[in-house]
Protein backbone atom coordinates (compact mmCIF):
# COMPACT_ATOMS: atom_id res chain seq x y z
CA MET A 1 -2.35 7.42 43.75
CA ILE A 2 -5.21 4.68 43.34
CA ALA A 3 -8.34 5.31 45.08
CA LEU A 4 -10.04 2.15 46.40
CA ILE A 5 -13.58 2.90 47.30
CA ASP A 6 -14.99 1.31 50.43
CA TYR A 7 -18.81 1.05 50.38
CA GLN A 8 -19.00 -1.65 52.99
CA ALA A 9 -19.49 -4.30 50.28
CA GLY A 10 -16.70 -6.66 51.22
CA ASN A 11 -13.35 -7.05 52.59
CA LEU A 12 -10.68 -4.69 50.79
CA THR A 13 -7.60 -6.15 52.52
CA SER A 14 -6.85 -8.79 49.82
CA VAL A 15 -7.24 -6.13 47.13
CA ARG A 16 -4.93 -3.68 48.86
CA LYS A 17 -2.19 -6.44 49.26
CA ALA A 18 -2.43 -7.37 45.54
CA LEU A 19 -2.14 -3.58 44.68
CA ALA A 20 0.78 -3.28 46.92
CA GLU A 21 2.38 -6.31 45.36
CA VAL A 22 2.20 -4.70 41.79
CA GLY A 23 3.73 -1.49 43.21
CA ALA A 24 0.51 0.75 43.47
CA ASP A 25 0.17 3.64 46.09
CA VAL A 26 -3.54 3.10 47.43
CA TYR A 27 -5.75 5.14 49.55
CA THR A 28 -9.40 4.86 50.54
CA PRO A 29 -11.25 8.15 50.36
CA GLU A 30 -13.54 8.93 53.28
CA SER A 31 -15.89 10.93 50.84
CA ALA A 32 -16.50 11.54 47.25
CA ALA A 33 -14.27 14.79 47.56
CA GLY A 34 -11.37 12.57 48.22
CA LEU A 35 -11.30 11.34 44.43
CA VAL A 36 -10.09 14.66 43.31
CA ASP A 37 -6.34 13.75 43.28
CA ALA A 38 -6.81 10.00 42.18
CA ALA A 39 -4.89 8.79 39.08
CA GLY A 40 -7.31 5.81 38.96
CA ILE A 41 -10.33 4.61 40.90
CA ILE A 42 -11.14 0.91 41.69
CA VAL A 43 -14.67 -0.09 42.81
CA PRO A 44 -14.50 -3.48 44.33
CA GLY A 45 -17.25 -5.40 46.06
CA VAL A 46 -18.91 -8.75 46.80
CA GLY A 47 -22.58 -9.59 47.62
CA HIS A 48 -25.94 -7.92 46.95
CA PHE A 49 -26.39 -5.33 44.29
CA GLY A 50 -28.40 -3.30 46.67
CA ALA A 51 -25.15 -2.42 48.53
CA THR A 52 -24.29 0.01 45.79
CA ARG A 53 -27.01 2.35 47.11
CA ALA A 54 -24.09 3.71 49.19
CA LEU A 55 -22.52 5.19 46.23
CA ASP A 56 -24.85 7.97 46.07
CA ALA A 57 -25.25 11.03 43.79
CA GLU A 58 -22.26 12.67 45.33
CA TRP A 59 -20.15 9.60 44.58
CA ARG A 60 -21.45 9.20 41.08
CA ARG A 61 -20.82 12.83 40.13
CA ALA A 62 -17.18 12.55 41.36
CA ILE A 63 -16.57 9.30 39.62
CA LEU A 64 -18.03 10.65 36.25
CA ALA A 65 -15.96 13.78 36.61
CA HIS A 66 -12.97 11.61 37.16
CA ILE A 67 -13.64 9.65 33.83
CA GLY A 68 -14.52 12.72 32.16
CA GLU A 69 -10.94 13.87 32.68
CA GLY A 70 -9.68 10.74 30.98
CA ARG A 71 -8.71 8.94 34.17
CA PRO A 72 -9.43 5.08 34.42
CA LEU A 73 -12.03 3.22 36.51
CA LEU A 74 -11.99 -0.60 37.43
CA GLY A 75 -14.98 -2.37 38.70
CA ILE A 76 -14.28 -5.77 40.46
CA CYS A 77 -16.96 -8.37 40.70
CA LEU A 78 -20.03 -6.36 42.20
CA GLY A 79 -18.11 -3.20 41.11
CA MET A 80 -18.10 -4.29 37.41
CA GLN A 81 -21.96 -4.98 37.49
CA TRP A 82 -22.48 -1.42 38.95
CA LEU A 83 -21.13 -0.16 35.63
CA PHE A 84 -24.14 -1.36 33.84
CA GLU A 85 -27.66 0.00 34.02
CA ASP A 86 -29.11 -2.06 36.61
CA SER A 87 -29.60 -5.73 37.92
CA GLU A 88 -32.44 -7.85 38.53
CA GLU A 89 -30.98 -8.53 41.98
CA ALA A 90 -32.18 -5.07 43.04
CA PRO A 91 -34.45 -3.65 40.43
CA ASP A 92 -34.96 -0.49 42.54
CA VAL A 93 -31.19 0.26 42.32
CA ALA A 94 -29.68 2.03 39.25
CA GLY A 95 -26.06 1.04 38.21
CA LEU A 96 -23.81 3.77 37.02
CA GLY A 97 -25.01 3.30 33.32
CA LEU A 98 -21.75 3.72 31.72
CA LEU A 99 -22.15 0.31 30.01
CA ALA A 100 -25.40 -0.62 28.32
CA GLY A 101 -27.37 -3.71 29.57
CA SER A 102 -28.74 -5.21 32.47
CA CYS A 103 -27.30 -7.95 34.89
CA ARG A 104 -29.14 -10.84 35.96
CA ARG A 105 -28.93 -14.07 37.85
CA LEU A 106 -26.84 -17.03 36.35
CA ARG A 107 -28.97 -19.83 34.80
CA PRO A 108 -27.77 -23.33 35.61
CA GLY A 109 -28.15 -24.60 32.09
CA ALA A 110 -30.07 -27.72 30.87
CA ALA A 111 -32.35 -29.53 33.14
CA GLY A 112 -30.34 -32.00 35.18
CA SER A 113 -27.15 -30.05 35.10
CA SER A 114 -24.75 -30.37 37.70
CA LEU A 115 -23.43 -26.81 37.73
CA LYS A 116 -23.92 -24.93 40.97
CA ILE A 117 -24.96 -21.35 41.58
CA PRO A 118 -23.30 -19.44 42.87
CA HIS A 119 -20.45 -19.87 40.47
CA VAL A 120 -17.32 -20.31 42.72
CA GLY A 121 -13.90 -21.26 41.83
CA TRP A 122 -11.61 -21.10 38.70
CA ASN A 123 -12.80 -20.75 35.20
CA SER A 124 -11.30 -19.71 31.78
CA LEU A 125 -11.41 -16.64 29.88
CA ASP A 126 -12.38 -16.50 26.17
CA ARG A 127 -10.61 -13.52 24.64
CA ARG A 128 -13.20 -11.79 22.25
CA ARG A 129 -11.10 -8.62 21.45
CA GLU A 130 -8.30 -6.56 22.42
CA GLY A 131 -8.33 -4.28 25.47
CA SER A 132 -5.56 -2.56 27.45
CA ILE A 133 -6.92 -3.97 30.65
CA ALA A 134 -6.33 -7.45 29.33
CA GLU A 135 -3.13 -6.77 27.54
CA GLY A 136 -0.77 -9.83 27.55
CA VAL A 137 -3.30 -12.08 29.22
CA PRO A 138 -3.36 -15.42 27.31
CA GLN A 139 -6.40 -16.95 25.74
CA ALA A 140 -7.99 -19.49 28.09
CA SER A 141 -6.39 -18.02 31.34
CA GLN A 142 -7.76 -19.40 34.57
CA VAL A 143 -9.16 -16.89 36.97
CA TYR A 144 -11.16 -17.00 40.27
CA PHE A 145 -14.77 -16.36 40.57
CA THR A 146 -17.40 -16.20 43.15
CA HIS A 147 -20.88 -14.71 41.99
CA SER A 148 -24.35 -15.57 41.17
CA TYR A 149 -25.07 -12.62 38.84
CA VAL A 150 -23.62 -11.70 35.63
CA ALA A 151 -23.31 -8.88 33.02
CA PRO A 152 -24.38 -9.53 29.46
CA VAL A 153 -22.04 -10.03 26.32
CA THR A 154 -21.84 -7.07 24.39
CA GLY A 155 -19.56 -4.79 22.05
CA ASP A 156 -17.74 -3.73 25.30
CA THR A 157 -16.81 -7.38 26.31
CA VAL A 158 -13.19 -8.04 25.97
CA ALA A 159 -13.40 -11.70 27.46
CA ALA A 160 -16.12 -14.01 28.19
CA THR A 161 -16.67 -17.16 30.38
CA GLU A 162 -19.13 -19.95 30.38
CA HIS A 163 -20.90 -21.43 33.48
CA GLY A 164 -24.20 -22.68 32.35
CA GLU A 165 -24.38 -19.87 30.01
CA VAL A 166 -21.74 -17.28 28.47
CA PHE A 167 -21.34 -14.03 30.33
CA ALA A 168 -18.97 -11.06 30.16
CA SER A 169 -16.02 -11.54 32.37
CA ILE A 170 -13.83 -8.55 31.13
CA VAL A 171 -15.28 -5.32 29.86
CA GLN A 172 -13.79 -2.13 28.51
CA ARG A 173 -14.99 1.01 27.09
CA GLY A 174 -12.28 3.53 26.71
CA GLN A 175 -10.93 4.22 30.33
CA VAL A 176 -13.99 2.33 31.91
CA THR A 177 -13.11 -1.39 32.54
CA GLY A 178 -14.40 -4.27 34.79
CA VAL A 179 -13.64 -7.86 35.70
CA GLN A 180 -16.28 -10.26 37.02
CA PHE A 181 -13.55 -12.41 38.68
CA HIS A 182 -11.43 -11.34 41.52
CA PRO A 183 -7.89 -10.45 40.26
CA GLU A 184 -6.61 -10.40 43.97
CA LYS A 185 -7.30 -14.11 44.09
CA SER A 186 -6.29 -15.01 40.47
CA GLY A 187 -2.52 -15.49 40.57
CA ASP A 188 -0.15 -14.01 38.09
CA VAL A 189 -3.09 -13.30 35.64
CA GLY A 190 -4.90 -11.17 38.21
CA LEU A 191 -1.87 -9.39 38.99
CA LEU A 192 -1.12 -8.68 35.18
CA ILE A 193 -4.65 -7.32 35.06
CA LEU A 194 -3.81 -4.88 37.91
CA ARG A 195 -0.60 -3.79 36.38
CA ASN A 196 -2.43 -3.09 33.24
CA PHE A 197 -4.86 -0.84 35.21
CA LEU A 198 -1.85 0.93 36.75
CA ARG A 199 -0.36 1.64 33.32
CA MET A 200 -3.66 2.99 32.26
CA ALA A 201 -3.47 5.33 35.20
CA GLY A 202 0.01 6.45 34.23
């Protein structure tokens, strides 16, 4: 069973639909205690980093215990940013801190650039290294984004994307994974990412 965490930061319907398409059994725990039997955890989300306040100490302890047992975690969009230390969008809210670095607002690039923030639409993945979450994903695959804040490119970056600047679009450290784009809106590539996560969950 895959636990899809609902912390009131976006519509989970499309994520559930995509997971059903790849054959996942999904449930939404009402409390952190409900994570005990999860084979994998997905933290989705859109909007403001401050929404992650709802993932309080009890949720954090349960998620960290889950990872400590070797079970995987996938953060989607805002959920991926939460895996890092913090974000300038809500400086008073700590991230989970499993990945080093701070998230910040996208910069539009050179003066006079026509690039828009937020970054909304299809863009390509530049594969930087191997990662089981991205197994079989071709170089330059197109995926769907909608966001204004980004995570830094670090040694945990599996793929990067450019929109005014280069940012991490897929990250992985062991069983901890994240994607800045929305796999549930990214066609066959997004479904492949979700299948890879299911494989990690065994």
